[in-house]
Amino acid sequence: MLFFTSDDVVMLACLTLGLVIAFTALVQFWLANEHAWLKTVMQMWYVGACVLGIVSVFITVAFPVTTLYVKVVYNVAGQLISVTGIFDVLQLEYCSPRLLTLKDTNRMFLVRCLFGYALVLLGFLAAMAVHAVKGGVLLTYRCITLTFIMAETIAYLWTLVRRLGFSLGPPHLKARIYYAAAVCSRFGIIASVYINIFGVE
């Protein structure tokens, strides 16, 4: 029989709500932006991260010994999301000066993004190998994840300021809202990862 703490129950409630919101956003985003492949992949990662979070609560309650591995896998998910965000920005930066659309470059940037995913997964395998030999990998791995998320946040800020500006009028209003929301959410994630690493005084 599984015994959930109050923290587990709160976590499950938040993740379930997040899953409903993320899935709804994914469907709505895809219907409105069928040519924005990387942004759609990003939304899919959010749904996947929520599912992973829910599953991880059950796994760690049933098998407490797996807690470290679940946390590392969750960090992998964070890195994959960040890689998607970075390539999403690079695609926009590539398209804008060349007067290309996302549709024109989707395949090229999806292939590059998949290469980035492969590097993240190689890093994960390397981290697991180091952990098997020396242990103590979680702190270092969280710092790597924090670096990924900070790089993604800087990329979003760069695009928001340099490419789109802060005007509330057209053109690019939807893009400004998207990137501004992304920056705000990344600041929240950075704070969460930082607290997990260093704690709160």
N, C-alpha and C. Protein backbone atom coordinates (compact mmCIF):
# COMPACT_ATOMS: atom_id res chain seq x y z
N MET A 1 0.84 -1.19 0.00
CA MET A 1 0.00 0.00 0.00
C MET A 1 0.88 1.25 0.00
N LEU A 2 0.50 2.26 -0.78
CA LEU A 2 1.28 3.48 -0.88
C LEU A 2 0.85 4.47 0.19
N PHE A 3 1.83 5.12 0.81
CA PHE A 3 1.55 6.13 1.83
C PHE A 3 2.06 7.48 1.33
N PHE A 4 1.13 8.38 1.02
CA PHE A 4 1.47 9.69 0.49
C PHE A 4 1.53 10.70 1.63
N THR A 5 2.58 11.53 1.63
CA THR A 5 2.65 12.63 2.58
C THR A 5 1.77 13.78 2.06
N SER A 6 1.57 14.78 2.90
CA SER A 6 0.80 15.95 2.46
C SER A 6 1.50 16.65 1.31
N ASP A 7 2.84 16.65 1.32
CA ASP A 7 3.60 17.24 0.21
C ASP A 7 3.34 16.49 -1.10
N ASP A 8 3.27 15.17 -1.00
CA ASP A 8 2.99 14.36 -2.20
C ASP A 8 1.61 14.69 -2.77
N VAL A 9 0.62 14.83 -1.89
CA VAL A 9 -0.75 15.13 -2.33
C VAL A 9 -0.81 16.50 -3.01
N VAL A 10 -0.14 17.50 -2.40
CA VAL A 10 -0.10 18.84 -3.00
C VAL A 10 0.59 18.80 -4.35
N MET A 11 1.71 18.05 -4.41
CA MET A 11 2.45 17.93 -5.66
C MET A 11 1.58 17.28 -6.75
N LEU A 12 0.88 16.22 -6.40
CA LEU A 12 0.02 15.55 -7.38
C LEU A 12 -1.10 16.47 -7.86
N ALA A 13 -1.68 17.23 -6.94
CA ALA A 13 -2.76 18.16 -7.32
C ALA A 13 -2.23 19.23 -8.27
N CYS A 14 -1.08 19.81 -7.94
CA CYS A 14 -0.49 20.85 -8.80
C CYS A 14 -0.11 20.29 -10.17
N LEU A 15 0.50 19.11 -10.18
CA LEU A 15 0.92 18.51 -11.45
C LEU A 15 -0.28 18.12 -12.31
N THR A 16 -1.34 17.63 -11.68
CA THR A 16 -2.54 17.28 -12.45
C THR A 16 -3.17 18.52 -13.07
N LEU A 17 -3.25 19.59 -12.29
CA LEU A 17 -3.75 20.86 -12.83
C LEU A 17 -2.84 21.35 -13.96
N GLY A 18 -1.53 21.26 -13.73
CA GLY A 18 -0.57 21.66 -14.76
C GLY A 18 -0.72 20.84 -16.04
N LEU A 19 -0.99 19.54 -15.87
CA LEU A 19 -1.18 18.67 -17.03
C LEU A 19 -2.40 19.07 -17.83
N VAL A 20 -3.50 19.37 -17.16
CA VAL A 20 -4.72 19.80 -17.84
C VAL A 20 -4.46 21.10 -18.61
N ILE A 21 -3.80 22.05 -17.95
CA ILE A 21 -3.50 23.34 -18.60
C ILE A 21 -2.55 23.15 -19.78
N ALA A 22 -1.48 22.35 -19.55
CA ALA A 22 -0.48 22.15 -20.61
C ALA A 22 -1.08 21.43 -21.81
N PHE A 23 -1.93 20.43 -21.58
CA PHE A 23 -2.54 19.71 -22.70
C PHE A 23 -3.51 20.60 -23.46
N THR A 24 -4.29 21.38 -22.73
CA THR A 24 -5.22 22.33 -23.38
C THR A 24 -4.44 23.34 -24.22
N ALA A 25 -3.34 23.87 -23.64
CA ALA A 25 -2.51 24.83 -24.37
C ALA A 25 -1.90 24.20 -25.60
N LEU A 26 -1.46 22.94 -25.49
CA LEU A 26 -0.88 22.23 -26.64
C LEU A 26 -1.88 22.14 -27.79
N VAL A 27 -3.09 21.70 -27.49
CA VAL A 27 -4.11 21.55 -28.53
C VAL A 27 -4.45 22.90 -29.15
N GLN A 28 -4.69 23.91 -28.31
CA GLN A 28 -5.04 25.24 -28.82
C GLN A 28 -3.90 25.84 -29.63
N PHE A 29 -2.66 25.65 -29.14
CA PHE A 29 -1.51 26.22 -29.84
C PHE A 29 -1.34 25.56 -31.21
N TRP A 30 -1.48 24.23 -31.25
CA TRP A 30 -1.31 23.53 -32.52
C TRP A 30 -2.36 23.95 -33.53
N LEU A 31 -3.59 24.12 -33.09
CA LEU A 31 -4.67 24.52 -34.00
C LEU A 31 -4.43 25.92 -34.57
N ALA A 32 -3.79 26.79 -33.76
CA ALA A 32 -3.59 28.18 -34.20
C ALA A 32 -2.23 28.40 -34.88
N ASN A 33 -1.28 27.48 -34.66
CA ASN A 33 0.10 27.70 -35.15
C ASN A 33 0.69 26.41 -35.71
N GLU A 34 0.05 25.82 -36.70
CA GLU A 34 0.48 24.51 -37.17
C GLU A 34 1.86 24.51 -37.81
N HIS A 35 2.40 25.67 -38.16
CA HIS A 35 3.72 25.73 -38.78
C HIS A 35 4.83 26.01 -37.77
N ALA A 36 4.48 26.26 -36.51
CA ALA A 36 5.49 26.53 -35.48
C ALA A 36 5.87 25.21 -34.79
N TRP A 37 6.62 24.38 -35.49
CA TRP A 37 6.91 23.04 -35.01
C TRP A 37 7.63 23.03 -33.67
N LEU A 38 8.69 23.84 -33.54
CA LEU A 38 9.48 23.79 -32.31
C LEU A 38 8.68 24.29 -31.11
N LYS A 39 7.85 25.29 -31.32
CA LYS A 39 6.99 25.75 -30.22
C LYS A 39 5.99 24.67 -29.83
N THR A 40 5.51 23.92 -30.81
CA THR A 40 4.60 22.81 -30.51
C THR A 40 5.33 21.70 -29.76
N VAL A 41 6.57 21.41 -30.18
CA VAL A 41 7.38 20.43 -29.46
C VAL A 41 7.58 20.88 -28.01
N MET A 42 7.80 22.18 -27.82
CA MET A 42 7.95 22.72 -26.47
C MET A 42 6.70 22.43 -25.64
N GLN A 43 5.53 22.69 -26.22
CA GLN A 43 4.28 22.41 -25.50
C GLN A 43 4.17 20.92 -25.18
N MET A 44 4.62 20.08 -26.11
CA MET A 44 4.58 18.63 -25.87
C MET A 44 5.50 18.25 -24.71
N TRP A 45 6.65 18.91 -24.62
CA TRP A 45 7.57 18.64 -23.50
C TRP A 45 6.92 19.01 -22.17
N TYR A 46 6.15 20.12 -22.15
CA TYR A 46 5.48 20.51 -20.91
C TYR A 46 4.48 19.44 -20.48
N VAL A 47 3.72 18.92 -21.45
CA VAL A 47 2.78 17.83 -21.13
C VAL A 47 3.56 16.62 -20.61
N GLY A 48 4.64 16.29 -21.31
CA GLY A 48 5.47 15.15 -20.88
C GLY A 48 6.07 15.35 -19.50
N ALA A 49 6.51 16.57 -19.20
CA ALA A 49 7.10 16.86 -17.88
C ALA A 49 6.05 16.71 -16.78
N CYS A 50 4.83 17.13 -17.05
CA CYS A 50 3.75 16.97 -16.05
C CYS A 50 3.46 15.49 -15.81
N VAL A 51 3.38 14.72 -16.89
CA VAL A 51 3.15 13.28 -16.76
C VAL A 51 4.31 12.64 -15.98
N LEU A 52 5.54 13.00 -16.35
CA LEU A 52 6.71 12.48 -15.66
C LEU A 52 6.67 12.83 -14.17
N GLY A 53 6.25 14.06 -13.87
CA GLY A 53 6.16 14.47 -12.47
C GLY A 53 5.16 13.63 -11.69
N ILE A 54 3.99 13.38 -12.29
CA ILE A 54 2.96 12.57 -11.63
C ILE A 54 3.46 11.14 -11.42
N VAL A 55 4.04 10.56 -12.46
CA VAL A 55 4.56 9.19 -12.36
C VAL A 55 5.68 9.12 -11.32
N SER A 56 6.54 10.15 -11.29
CA SER A 56 7.68 10.13 -10.37
C SER A 56 7.23 10.16 -8.90
N VAL A 57 6.12 10.84 -8.61
CA VAL A 57 5.60 10.84 -7.23
C VAL A 57 5.24 9.43 -6.82
N PHE A 58 4.53 8.72 -7.70
CA PHE A 58 4.14 7.34 -7.39
C PHE A 58 5.36 6.43 -7.26
N ILE A 59 6.33 6.59 -8.17
CA ILE A 59 7.52 5.74 -8.15
C ILE A 59 8.32 5.95 -6.86
N THR A 60 8.53 7.22 -6.48
CA THR A 60 9.35 7.49 -5.30
C THR A 60 8.64 7.10 -4.00
N VAL A 61 7.30 7.14 -4.01
CA VAL A 61 6.57 6.67 -2.82
C VAL A 61 6.67 5.15 -2.72
N ALA A 62 6.51 4.47 -3.86
CA ALA A 62 6.56 3.00 -3.87
C ALA A 62 7.98 2.47 -3.68
N PHE A 63 8.95 3.17 -4.28
CA PHE A 63 10.35 2.72 -4.23
C PHE A 63 11.25 3.91 -3.87
N PRO A 64 11.34 4.25 -2.58
CA PRO A 64 12.12 5.44 -2.18
C PRO A 64 13.57 5.43 -2.67
N VAL A 65 14.13 4.25 -2.92
CA VAL A 65 15.51 4.15 -3.37
C VAL A 65 15.71 4.80 -4.75
N THR A 66 14.61 4.99 -5.49
CA THR A 66 14.72 5.55 -6.85
C THR A 66 14.72 7.08 -6.87
N THR A 67 14.60 7.72 -5.71
CA THR A 67 14.45 9.18 -5.65
C THR A 67 15.52 9.91 -6.44
N LEU A 68 16.79 9.54 -6.24
CA LEU A 68 17.90 10.21 -6.95
C LEU A 68 17.72 10.08 -8.46
N TYR A 69 17.41 8.89 -8.94
CA TYR A 69 17.32 8.67 -10.37
C TYR A 69 16.14 9.42 -10.98
N VAL A 70 15.04 9.49 -10.26
CA VAL A 70 13.89 10.26 -10.73
C VAL A 70 14.25 11.73 -10.85
N LYS A 71 14.99 12.25 -9.86
CA LYS A 71 15.40 13.66 -9.90
C LYS A 71 16.32 13.94 -11.07
N VAL A 72 17.23 13.00 -11.35
CA VAL A 72 18.14 13.19 -12.48
C VAL A 72 17.36 13.16 -13.80
N VAL A 73 16.42 12.23 -13.93
CA VAL A 73 15.61 12.14 -15.14
C VAL A 73 14.79 13.43 -15.31
N TYR A 74 14.28 13.96 -14.21
CA TYR A 74 13.53 15.21 -14.28
C TYR A 74 14.42 16.35 -14.76
N ASN A 75 15.69 16.33 -14.35
CA ASN A 75 16.65 17.33 -14.84
C ASN A 75 16.91 17.16 -16.32
N VAL A 76 16.93 15.91 -16.80
CA VAL A 76 17.08 15.66 -18.24
C VAL A 76 15.92 16.32 -18.98
N ALA A 77 14.70 16.15 -18.46
CA ALA A 77 13.53 16.77 -19.09
C ALA A 77 13.69 18.28 -19.16
N GLY A 78 14.18 18.89 -18.08
CA GLY A 78 14.42 20.33 -18.07
C GLY A 78 15.43 20.75 -19.13
N GLN A 79 16.48 19.95 -19.29
CA GLN A 79 17.49 20.26 -20.29
C GLN A 79 16.92 20.13 -21.71
N LEU A 80 16.10 19.11 -21.95
CA LEU A 80 15.50 18.93 -23.27
C LEU A 80 14.56 20.07 -23.62
N ILE A 81 13.79 20.53 -22.62
CA ILE A 81 12.92 21.69 -22.84
C ILE A 81 13.75 22.92 -23.18
N SER A 82 14.84 23.12 -22.45
CA SER A 82 15.70 24.28 -22.70
C SER A 82 16.34 24.24 -24.07
N VAL A 83 16.79 23.06 -24.49
CA VAL A 83 17.37 22.92 -25.83
C VAL A 83 16.34 23.30 -26.89
N THR A 84 15.09 22.85 -26.70
CA THR A 84 14.02 23.20 -27.64
C THR A 84 13.83 24.70 -27.70
N GLY A 85 13.81 25.35 -26.54
CA GLY A 85 13.65 26.80 -26.48
C GLY A 85 14.78 27.54 -27.17
N ILE A 86 16.01 27.06 -26.97
CA ILE A 86 17.17 27.71 -27.59
C ILE A 86 17.08 27.60 -29.11
N PHE A 87 16.73 26.42 -29.62
CA PHE A 87 16.62 26.26 -31.07
C PHE A 87 15.41 27.01 -31.63
N ASP A 88 14.37 27.15 -30.83
CA ASP A 88 13.22 27.95 -31.24
C ASP A 88 13.66 29.40 -31.49
N VAL A 89 14.45 29.93 -30.58
CA VAL A 89 14.96 31.30 -30.74
C VAL A 89 15.91 31.39 -31.93
N LEU A 90 16.79 30.40 -32.06
CA LEU A 90 17.74 30.41 -33.19
C LEU A 90 17.00 30.37 -34.52
N GLN A 91 15.89 29.64 -34.58
CA GLN A 91 15.11 29.59 -35.81
C GLN A 91 14.54 30.97 -36.15
N LEU A 92 13.99 31.65 -35.16
CA LEU A 92 13.46 32.99 -35.40
C LEU A 92 14.56 33.94 -35.84
N GLU A 93 15.71 33.85 -35.16
CA GLU A 93 16.83 34.72 -35.51
C GLU A 93 17.36 34.43 -36.91
N TYR A 94 17.27 33.17 -37.32
CA TYR A 94 17.70 32.80 -38.67
C TYR A 94 16.71 33.29 -39.72
N CYS A 95 15.42 33.14 -39.42
CA CYS A 95 14.38 33.47 -40.41
C CYS A 95 14.23 34.98 -40.63
N SER A 96 14.25 35.75 -39.55
CA SER A 96 13.91 37.17 -39.65
C SER A 96 14.74 37.96 -40.65
N PRO A 97 16.08 37.92 -40.57
CA PRO A 97 16.84 38.73 -41.53
C PRO A 97 16.78 38.21 -42.96
N ARG A 98 16.43 36.93 -43.11
CA ARG A 98 16.38 36.33 -44.46
C ARG A 98 14.97 36.36 -45.05
N LEU A 99 14.02 36.92 -44.31
CA LEU A 99 12.62 36.99 -44.74
C LEU A 99 12.05 35.61 -45.04
N LEU A 100 12.43 34.64 -44.22
CA LEU A 100 11.90 33.29 -44.34
C LEU A 100 10.81 33.07 -43.30
N THR A 101 9.97 32.08 -43.51
CA THR A 101 8.95 31.74 -42.52
C THR A 101 9.43 30.52 -41.73
N LEU A 102 8.74 30.26 -40.61
CA LEU A 102 9.05 29.06 -39.83
C LEU A 102 8.86 27.81 -40.69
N LYS A 103 7.83 27.82 -41.52
CA LYS A 103 7.54 26.68 -42.38
C LYS A 103 8.72 26.36 -43.29
N ASP A 104 9.43 27.41 -43.75
CA ASP A 104 10.56 27.23 -44.66
C ASP A 104 11.73 26.51 -43.99
N THR A 105 11.85 26.64 -42.68
CA THR A 105 13.05 26.15 -41.98
C THR A 105 12.75 25.11 -40.90
N ASN A 106 11.50 24.65 -40.81
CA ASN A 106 11.13 23.70 -39.76
C ASN A 106 11.99 22.44 -39.76
N ARG A 107 12.14 21.82 -40.94
CA ARG A 107 12.88 20.56 -41.00
C ARG A 107 14.34 20.76 -40.60
N MET A 108 14.95 21.83 -41.08
CA MET A 108 16.36 22.08 -40.77
C MET A 108 16.57 22.24 -39.27
N PHE A 109 15.70 23.03 -38.62
CA PHE A 109 15.89 23.27 -37.20
C PHE A 109 15.43 22.11 -36.33
N LEU A 110 14.49 21.32 -36.81
CA LEU A 110 14.09 20.13 -36.07
C LEU A 110 15.23 19.13 -36.04
N VAL A 111 15.95 18.97 -37.15
CA VAL A 111 17.11 18.08 -37.20
C VAL A 111 18.19 18.58 -36.25
N ARG A 112 18.44 19.88 -36.25
CA ARG A 112 19.44 20.44 -35.34
C ARG A 112 19.02 20.25 -33.88
N CYS A 113 17.74 20.42 -33.63
CA CYS A 113 17.22 20.24 -32.27
C CYS A 113 17.39 18.78 -31.83
N LEU A 114 17.13 17.84 -32.72
CA LEU A 114 17.31 16.42 -32.41
C LEU A 114 18.78 16.12 -32.08
N PHE A 115 19.69 16.77 -32.78
CA PHE A 115 21.12 16.63 -32.48
C PHE A 115 21.40 17.14 -31.07
N GLY A 116 20.79 18.28 -30.72
CA GLY A 116 20.93 18.81 -29.36
C GLY A 116 20.40 17.85 -28.32
N TYR A 117 19.25 17.20 -28.61
CA TYR A 117 18.70 16.20 -27.70
C TYR A 117 19.69 15.05 -27.50
N ALA A 118 20.31 14.62 -28.59
CA ALA A 118 21.27 13.52 -28.50
C ALA A 118 22.43 13.88 -27.57
N LEU A 119 22.90 15.13 -27.65
CA LEU A 119 23.98 15.56 -26.77
C LEU A 119 23.54 15.57 -25.30
N VAL A 120 22.30 16.01 -25.05
CA VAL A 120 21.77 16.00 -23.69
C VAL A 120 21.72 14.57 -23.15
N LEU A 121 21.24 13.64 -23.99
CA LEU A 121 21.13 12.25 -23.54
C LEU A 121 22.51 11.62 -23.34
N LEU A 122 23.49 12.00 -24.15
CA LEU A 122 24.86 11.54 -23.91
C LEU A 122 25.39 12.07 -22.58
N GLY A 123 25.07 13.33 -22.29
CA GLY A 123 25.46 13.91 -21.00
C GLY A 123 24.82 13.16 -19.84
N PHE A 124 23.57 12.77 -20.01
CA PHE A 124 22.87 11.98 -18.99
C PHE A 124 23.57 10.64 -18.76
N LEU A 125 23.92 9.95 -19.85
CA LEU A 125 24.61 8.67 -19.72
C LEU A 125 25.97 8.84 -19.05
N ALA A 126 26.67 9.93 -19.39
CA ALA A 126 27.96 10.21 -18.76
C ALA A 126 27.77 10.46 -17.26
N ALA A 127 26.72 11.22 -16.90
CA ALA A 127 26.46 11.51 -15.49
C ALA A 127 26.16 10.23 -14.72
N MET A 128 25.38 9.33 -15.33
CA MET A 128 25.06 8.06 -14.67
C MET A 128 26.31 7.19 -14.50
N ALA A 129 27.21 7.25 -15.51
CA ALA A 129 28.46 6.48 -15.41
C ALA A 129 29.32 7.01 -14.29
N VAL A 130 29.41 8.34 -14.19
CA VAL A 130 30.19 8.96 -13.11
C VAL A 130 29.58 8.63 -11.75
N HIS A 131 28.26 8.67 -11.69
CA HIS A 131 27.58 8.35 -10.42
C HIS A 131 27.85 6.91 -10.00
N ALA A 132 27.87 6.00 -10.96
CA ALA A 132 28.12 4.59 -10.64
C ALA A 132 29.51 4.39 -10.07
N VAL A 133 30.46 5.23 -10.51
CA VAL A 133 31.85 5.08 -10.06
C VAL A 133 32.13 5.90 -8.81
N LYS A 134 31.68 7.16 -8.81
CA LYS A 134 32.06 8.08 -7.73
C LYS A 134 30.89 8.54 -6.87
N GLY A 135 29.67 8.51 -7.41
CA GLY A 135 28.51 9.01 -6.67
C GLY A 135 28.48 10.53 -6.67
N GLY A 136 27.48 11.10 -5.97
CA GLY A 136 27.39 12.55 -5.79
C GLY A 136 27.16 13.34 -7.05
N VAL A 137 26.36 12.81 -7.97
CA VAL A 137 26.19 13.47 -9.27
C VAL A 137 25.07 14.51 -9.27
N LEU A 138 24.13 14.43 -8.33
CA LEU A 138 22.92 15.25 -8.43
C LEU A 138 23.20 16.75 -8.38
N LEU A 139 24.05 17.18 -7.46
CA LEU A 139 24.35 18.61 -7.35
C LEU A 139 24.95 19.15 -8.65
N THR A 140 25.94 18.45 -9.17
CA THR A 140 26.57 18.88 -10.42
C THR A 140 25.56 18.89 -11.56
N TYR A 141 24.73 17.86 -11.60
CA TYR A 141 23.76 17.76 -12.69
C TYR A 141 22.72 18.87 -12.62
N ARG A 142 22.31 19.22 -11.40
CA ARG A 142 21.37 20.34 -11.24
C ARG A 142 22.01 21.65 -11.69
N CYS A 143 23.29 21.82 -11.42
CA CYS A 143 23.99 23.04 -11.87
C CYS A 143 24.04 23.09 -13.40
N ILE A 144 24.24 21.94 -14.03
CA ILE A 144 24.23 21.89 -15.50
C ILE A 144 22.85 22.26 -16.02
N THR A 145 21.80 21.72 -15.38
CA THR A 145 20.43 22.06 -15.78
C THR A 145 20.18 23.55 -15.63
N LEU A 146 20.64 24.11 -14.52
CA LEU A 146 20.47 25.55 -14.27
C LEU A 146 21.15 26.36 -15.38
N THR A 147 22.31 25.92 -15.82
CA THR A 147 23.03 26.60 -16.91
C THR A 147 22.23 26.56 -18.21
N PHE A 148 21.66 25.40 -18.52
CA PHE A 148 20.81 25.27 -19.71
C PHE A 148 19.63 26.25 -19.65
N ILE A 149 18.94 26.27 -18.51
CA ILE A 149 17.75 27.11 -18.38
C ILE A 149 18.11 28.58 -18.44
N MET A 150 19.24 28.96 -17.85
CA MET A 150 19.68 30.36 -17.91
C MET A 150 20.03 30.75 -19.34
N ALA A 151 20.68 29.85 -20.08
CA ALA A 151 20.99 30.14 -21.49
C ALA A 151 19.72 30.33 -22.30
N GLU A 152 18.72 29.48 -22.04
CA GLU A 152 17.44 29.61 -22.74
C GLU A 152 16.77 30.94 -22.40
N THR A 153 16.81 31.31 -21.12
CA THR A 153 16.18 32.56 -20.68
C THR A 153 16.84 33.76 -21.33
N ILE A 154 18.16 33.75 -21.38
CA ILE A 154 18.91 34.83 -22.03
C ILE A 154 18.55 34.91 -23.51
N ALA A 155 18.41 33.75 -24.15
CA ALA A 155 18.03 33.73 -25.57
C ALA A 155 16.65 34.34 -25.77
N TYR A 156 15.70 33.99 -24.90
CA TYR A 156 14.36 34.56 -25.00
C TYR A 156 14.38 36.07 -24.78
N LEU A 157 15.13 36.51 -23.77
CA LEU A 157 15.23 37.95 -23.49
C LEU A 157 15.84 38.68 -24.68
N TRP A 158 16.88 38.11 -25.24
CA TRP A 158 17.56 38.70 -26.40
C TRP A 158 16.57 38.90 -27.55
N THR A 159 15.80 37.87 -27.84
CA THR A 159 14.82 37.96 -28.92
C THR A 159 13.74 38.97 -28.60
N LEU A 160 13.27 38.95 -27.37
CA LEU A 160 12.20 39.86 -26.96
C LEU A 160 12.64 41.32 -27.09
N VAL A 161 13.85 41.61 -26.65
CA VAL A 161 14.35 42.99 -26.66
C VAL A 161 14.83 43.40 -28.05
N ARG A 162 15.65 42.57 -28.66
CA ARG A 162 16.31 42.96 -29.91
C ARG A 162 15.40 42.80 -31.14
N ARG A 163 14.67 41.68 -31.19
CA ARG A 163 13.93 41.36 -32.40
C ARG A 163 12.48 41.87 -32.36
N LEU A 164 11.84 41.81 -31.17
CA LEU A 164 10.41 42.08 -31.10
C LEU A 164 10.07 43.40 -30.43
N GLY A 165 10.86 43.82 -29.45
CA GLY A 165 10.57 45.05 -28.72
C GLY A 165 9.41 44.86 -27.75
N PHE A 166 9.11 45.91 -26.98
CA PHE A 166 8.12 45.81 -25.92
C PHE A 166 6.80 46.50 -26.25
N SER A 167 6.64 46.96 -27.47
CA SER A 167 5.39 47.63 -27.84
C SER A 167 4.21 46.67 -27.72
N LEU A 168 3.06 47.18 -27.28
CA LEU A 168 1.86 46.34 -27.14
C LEU A 168 1.03 46.29 -28.42
N GLY A 169 1.44 47.04 -29.42
CA GLY A 169 0.68 47.04 -30.66
C GLY A 169 1.23 46.06 -31.67
N PRO A 170 0.51 45.91 -32.80
CA PRO A 170 1.01 45.05 -33.88
C PRO A 170 2.21 45.70 -34.53
N PRO A 171 3.04 45.02 -35.28
CA PRO A 171 2.96 43.58 -35.52
C PRO A 171 3.63 42.78 -34.40
N HIS A 172 3.56 41.49 -34.46
CA HIS A 172 4.24 40.55 -33.55
C HIS A 172 3.71 40.55 -32.12
N LEU A 173 2.47 40.98 -31.90
CA LEU A 173 1.94 41.02 -30.53
C LEU A 173 1.90 39.62 -29.92
N LYS A 174 1.43 38.62 -30.68
CA LYS A 174 1.38 37.25 -30.15
C LYS A 174 2.76 36.74 -29.78
N ALA A 175 3.74 37.04 -30.64
CA ALA A 175 5.11 36.59 -30.37
C ALA A 175 5.66 37.26 -29.11
N ARG A 176 5.37 38.55 -28.94
CA ARG A 176 5.83 39.25 -27.72
C ARG A 176 5.23 38.61 -26.48
N ILE A 177 3.94 38.32 -26.54
CA ILE A 177 3.27 37.69 -25.38
C ILE A 177 3.89 36.32 -25.10
N TYR A 178 4.12 35.54 -26.16
CA TYR A 178 4.71 34.20 -26.01
C TYR A 178 6.09 34.28 -25.35
N TYR A 179 6.96 35.14 -25.88
CA TYR A 179 8.31 35.22 -25.35
C TYR A 179 8.36 35.85 -23.96
N ALA A 180 7.50 36.83 -23.70
CA ALA A 180 7.45 37.42 -22.36
C ALA A 180 6.99 36.39 -21.33
N ALA A 181 5.97 35.60 -21.69
CA ALA A 181 5.49 34.55 -20.79
C ALA A 181 6.58 33.50 -20.58
N ALA A 182 7.32 33.17 -21.64
CA ALA A 182 8.40 32.19 -21.52
C ALA A 182 9.48 32.70 -20.57
N VAL A 183 9.85 33.97 -20.70
CA VAL A 183 10.87 34.55 -19.81
C VAL A 183 10.41 34.49 -18.36
N CYS A 184 9.17 34.88 -18.11
CA CYS A 184 8.64 34.87 -16.74
C CYS A 184 8.64 33.46 -16.17
N SER A 185 8.20 32.48 -16.96
CA SER A 185 8.17 31.11 -16.46
C SER A 185 9.58 30.59 -16.19
N ARG A 186 10.54 30.97 -17.04
CA ARG A 186 11.92 30.50 -16.84
C ARG A 186 12.53 31.10 -15.58
N PHE A 187 12.18 32.35 -15.26
CA PHE A 187 12.67 32.92 -14.00
C PHE A 187 12.15 32.11 -12.81
N GLY A 188 10.89 31.68 -12.88
CA GLY A 188 10.33 30.84 -11.82
C GLY A 188 11.06 29.51 -11.73
N ILE A 189 11.35 28.90 -12.88
CA ILE A 189 12.05 27.61 -12.90
C ILE A 189 13.48 27.77 -12.38
N ILE A 190 14.15 28.86 -12.79
CA ILE A 190 15.51 29.12 -12.29
C ILE A 190 15.50 29.24 -10.77
N ALA A 191 14.52 29.96 -10.24
CA ALA A 191 14.42 30.12 -8.78
C ALA A 191 14.22 28.76 -8.11
N SER A 192 13.37 27.91 -8.70
CA SER A 192 13.10 26.59 -8.14
C SER A 192 14.36 25.73 -8.12
N VAL A 193 15.08 25.70 -9.25
CA VAL A 193 16.30 24.89 -9.33
C VAL A 193 17.35 25.44 -8.36
N TYR A 194 17.47 26.77 -8.29
CA TYR A 194 18.44 27.39 -7.38
C TYR A 194 18.15 27.01 -5.93
N ILE A 195 16.87 27.05 -5.55
CA ILE A 195 16.49 26.69 -4.17
C ILE A 195 16.79 25.22 -3.92
N ASN A 196 16.56 24.36 -4.92
CA ASN A 196 16.88 22.94 -4.77
C ASN A 196 18.37 22.71 -4.57
N ILE A 197 19.18 23.56 -5.19
CA ILE A 197 20.63 23.41 -5.07
C ILE A 197 21.15 24.01 -3.77
N PHE A 198 20.78 25.25 -3.50
CA PHE A 198 21.39 25.99 -2.41
C PHE A 198 20.49 26.16 -1.19
N GLY A 199 19.19 25.86 -1.33
CA GLY A 199 18.28 26.05 -0.22
C GLY A 199 17.93 27.51 -0.02
N VAL A 200 17.13 27.78 1.01
CA VAL A 200 16.71 29.14 1.33
C VAL A 200 17.19 29.45 2.73
N GLU A 201 17.85 30.60 2.86
CA GLU A 201 18.34 30.99 4.20
C GLU A 201 17.17 31.39 5.08
